[in-house]
């Protein structure tokens, strides 16, 4: 964190999950945020996946911007591999996760982020109706040029 603060000149904080994953392979989720613009409010929780669908259960927390906008940030890292059916099962289970979030952390918009390990046509295309997402979604079109900062 010290290197990040030295490079940006701003104070940063982090919110970490515990180790998540099946078997011996584990990962952590982390939210990094500038303390002068974002404040962690509450809700640093792991979704209790009672059906065992997620390889790594989603992590979420509620934050507030300096101008008072509260939001819930979530992160999920979906299963990696060749089985589209397993990827789809996790994607479809996101609906239950979002329903749970709306019941648990009321009144704040939810931003679902992560590595879904599915190309947009599968995640957001024909199968979008199975996710039953209620928000308008925009998928950026791939650019012919890629800029690296």
Protein backbone atom coordinates (compact mmCIF):
# COMPACT_ATOMS: atom_id res chain seq x y z
CA UNK A 1 0.00 0.00 0.00
CA UNK A 2 2.92 2.31 0.72
CA UNK A 3 4.09 2.14 -2.90
CA UNK A 4 0.59 2.99 -4.15
CA UNK A 5 0.34 5.93 -1.76
CA UNK A 6 3.79 7.17 -2.75
CA UNK A 7 2.93 6.97 -6.45
CA UNK A 8 -0.50 8.64 -6.19
CA UNK A 9 0.03 11.01 -3.27
CA UNK A 10 -3.28 9.82 -1.78
CA UNK A 11 -4.16 7.63 1.21
CA UNK A 12 -5.57 4.23 0.35
CA UNK A 13 -7.34 1.54 2.34
CA UNK A 14 -8.27 -2.03 1.61
CA UNK A 15 -10.99 -4.45 2.54
CA UNK A 16 -10.08 -8.12 2.20
CA UNK A 17 -12.09 -11.32 2.26
CA UNK A 18 -10.89 -14.49 3.87
CA UNK A 19 -9.48 -17.24 1.61
CA UNK A 20 -12.20 -18.66 -0.66
CA UNK A 21 -12.26 -21.63 -2.98
CA UNK A 22 -12.76 -25.33 -3.33
CA UNK A 23 -10.14 -27.85 -2.31
CA UNK A 24 -6.60 -26.61 -1.82
CA UNK A 25 -6.86 -23.69 -4.29
CA UNK A 26 -7.89 -20.49 -2.51
CA UNK A 27 -8.16 -16.84 -3.50
CA UNK A 28 -8.87 -13.58 -1.71
CA UNK A 29 -11.07 -10.72 -2.84
CA UNK A 30 -9.88 -7.18 -2.20
CA UNK A 31 -11.42 -3.75 -2.55
CA UNK A 32 -8.88 -0.91 -2.70
CA UNK A 33 -10.15 2.63 -2.33
CA UNK A 34 -8.89 6.17 -1.79
CA UNK A 35 -9.89 7.31 1.69
CA UNK A 36 -10.32 10.94 0.59
CA UNK A 37 -13.06 9.97 -1.88
CA UNK A 38 -14.56 6.71 -0.58
CA UNK A 39 -15.54 5.46 2.89
CA UNK A 40 -16.35 1.87 3.76
CA UNK A 41 -19.76 1.85 5.48
CA UNK A 42 -20.59 -1.80 6.28
CA UNK A 43 -21.54 -5.12 4.82
CA UNK A 44 -18.21 -6.81 4.16
CA UNK A 45 -19.85 -10.17 3.60
CA UNK A 46 -19.39 -13.41 1.73
CA UNK A 47 -22.50 -14.91 0.14
CA UNK A 48 -23.46 -18.18 1.82
CA UNK A 49 -23.82 -20.47 -1.17
CA UNK A 50 -26.01 -23.24 0.24
CA UNK A 51 -26.21 -25.01 -3.13
CA UNK A 52 -22.44 -25.11 -3.71
CA UNK A 53 -22.68 -23.48 -7.14
CA UNK A 54 -19.91 -20.89 -6.79
CA UNK A 55 -16.27 -21.98 -6.90
CA UNK A 56 -15.52 -18.80 -4.92
CA UNK A 57 -18.53 -17.18 -3.25
CA UNK A 58 -19.08 -13.50 -4.10
CA UNK A 59 -17.84 -10.77 -1.75
CA UNK A 60 -19.67 -7.50 -1.16
CA UNK A 61 -19.47 -4.31 0.87
CA UNK A 62 -21.24 -0.95 1.07
CA UNK A 63 -19.29 2.25 0.44
CA UNK A 64 -20.04 5.97 0.32
CA UNK A 65 -18.50 8.67 -1.84
CA UNK A 66 -17.35 12.01 -0.42
CA UNK A 67 -20.56 13.61 -1.76
CA UNK A 68 -22.82 11.10 0.04
CA UNK A 69 -23.62 8.56 -2.70
CA UNK A 70 -23.90 5.09 -1.12
CA UNK A 71 -23.44 1.95 -3.21
CA UNK A 72 -22.73 -1.74 -2.83
CA UNK A 73 -19.68 -3.10 -4.60
CA UNK A 74 -19.52 -6.81 -5.28
CA UNK A 75 -16.88 -9.04 -6.74
CA UNK A 76 -17.04 -12.57 -8.06
CA UNK A 77 -14.41 -14.71 -9.73
CA UNK A 78 -16.20 -17.43 -11.64
CA UNK A 79 -14.90 -20.88 -12.31
CA UNK A 80 -12.23 -21.12 -14.99
CA UNK A 81 -12.11 -24.03 -17.43
CA UNK A 82 -13.72 -25.52 -20.49
CA UNK A 83 -17.16 -26.36 -19.12
CA UNK A 84 -19.55 -23.66 -20.30
CA UNK A 85 -22.35 -25.41 -18.37
CA UNK A 86 -20.54 -24.86 -15.04
CA UNK A 87 -19.84 -21.23 -15.98
CA UNK A 88 -23.50 -20.76 -16.84
CA UNK A 89 -24.60 -22.29 -13.53
CA UNK A 90 -22.57 -19.67 -11.67
CA UNK A 91 -23.88 -16.89 -13.91
CA UNK A 92 -27.48 -17.96 -13.33
CA UNK A 93 -26.82 -18.23 -9.57
CA UNK A 94 -25.89 -14.54 -9.63
CA UNK A 95 -29.65 -13.81 -9.67
CA UNK A 96 -30.05 -15.45 -6.23
CA UNK A 97 -26.99 -13.59 -5.03
CA UNK A 98 -28.36 -10.23 -6.20
CA UNK A 99 -31.75 -11.00 -4.60
CA UNK A 100 -29.97 -11.82 -1.34
CA UNK A 101 -27.98 -8.57 -1.53
CA UNK A 102 -31.13 -6.54 -2.09
CA UNK A 103 -32.69 -8.13 1.01
CA UNK A 104 -29.54 -7.82 3.13
CA UNK A 105 -28.28 -4.38 2.12
CA UNK A 106 -31.34 -2.31 1.23
CA UNK A 107 -31.51 1.07 -0.45
CA UNK A 108 -28.18 1.16 -2.29
CA UNK A 109 -27.46 0.45 -5.95
CA UNK A 110 -25.38 -2.67 -6.55
CA UNK A 111 -22.36 -2.79 -8.86
CA UNK A 112 -21.54 -6.37 -9.82
CA UNK A 113 -17.89 -6.70 -10.83
CA UNK A 114 -15.49 -9.53 -11.38
CA UNK A 115 -14.05 -12.06 -13.75
CA UNK A 116 -16.98 -14.06 -15.08
CA UNK A 117 -14.83 -16.24 -17.35
CA UNK A 118 -17.53 -16.10 -20.01
CA UNK A 119 -17.44 -14.04 -23.19
CA UNK A 120 -20.12 -11.30 -23.30
CA UNK A 121 -22.24 -13.07 -25.95
CA UNK A 122 -22.74 -15.98 -23.55
CA UNK A 123 -22.94 -13.98 -20.32
CA UNK A 124 -25.12 -11.15 -21.63
CA UNK A 125 -26.48 -12.46 -24.90
CA UNK A 126 -29.09 -15.13 -25.42
CA UNK A 127 -28.87 -16.35 -21.84
CA UNK A 128 -29.54 -12.92 -20.31
CA UNK A 129 -33.17 -13.86 -19.75
CA UNK A 130 -32.07 -16.72 -17.49
CA UNK A 131 -30.21 -14.24 -15.28
CA UNK A 132 -33.39 -12.17 -14.92
CA UNK A 133 -31.42 -8.99 -14.38
CA UNK A 134 -33.65 -5.98 -14.00
CA UNK A 135 -31.14 -3.27 -14.79
CA UNK A 136 -30.24 -2.03 -18.28
CA UNK A 137 -26.87 -3.41 -19.22
CA UNK A 138 -24.35 -2.02 -21.67
CA UNK A 139 -21.55 -4.15 -23.03
CA UNK A 140 -18.66 -2.20 -24.53
CA UNK A 141 -17.88 -3.18 -28.08
CA UNK A 142 -14.36 -4.57 -28.57
CA UNK A 143 -12.02 -2.01 -30.01
CA UNK A 144 -9.68 -2.77 -32.88
CA UNK A 145 -7.01 -0.86 -30.99
CA UNK A 146 -6.06 -1.52 -27.43
CA UNK A 147 -4.43 1.20 -25.38
CA UNK A 148 -2.11 0.25 -22.56
CA UNK A 149 -1.41 2.88 -19.93
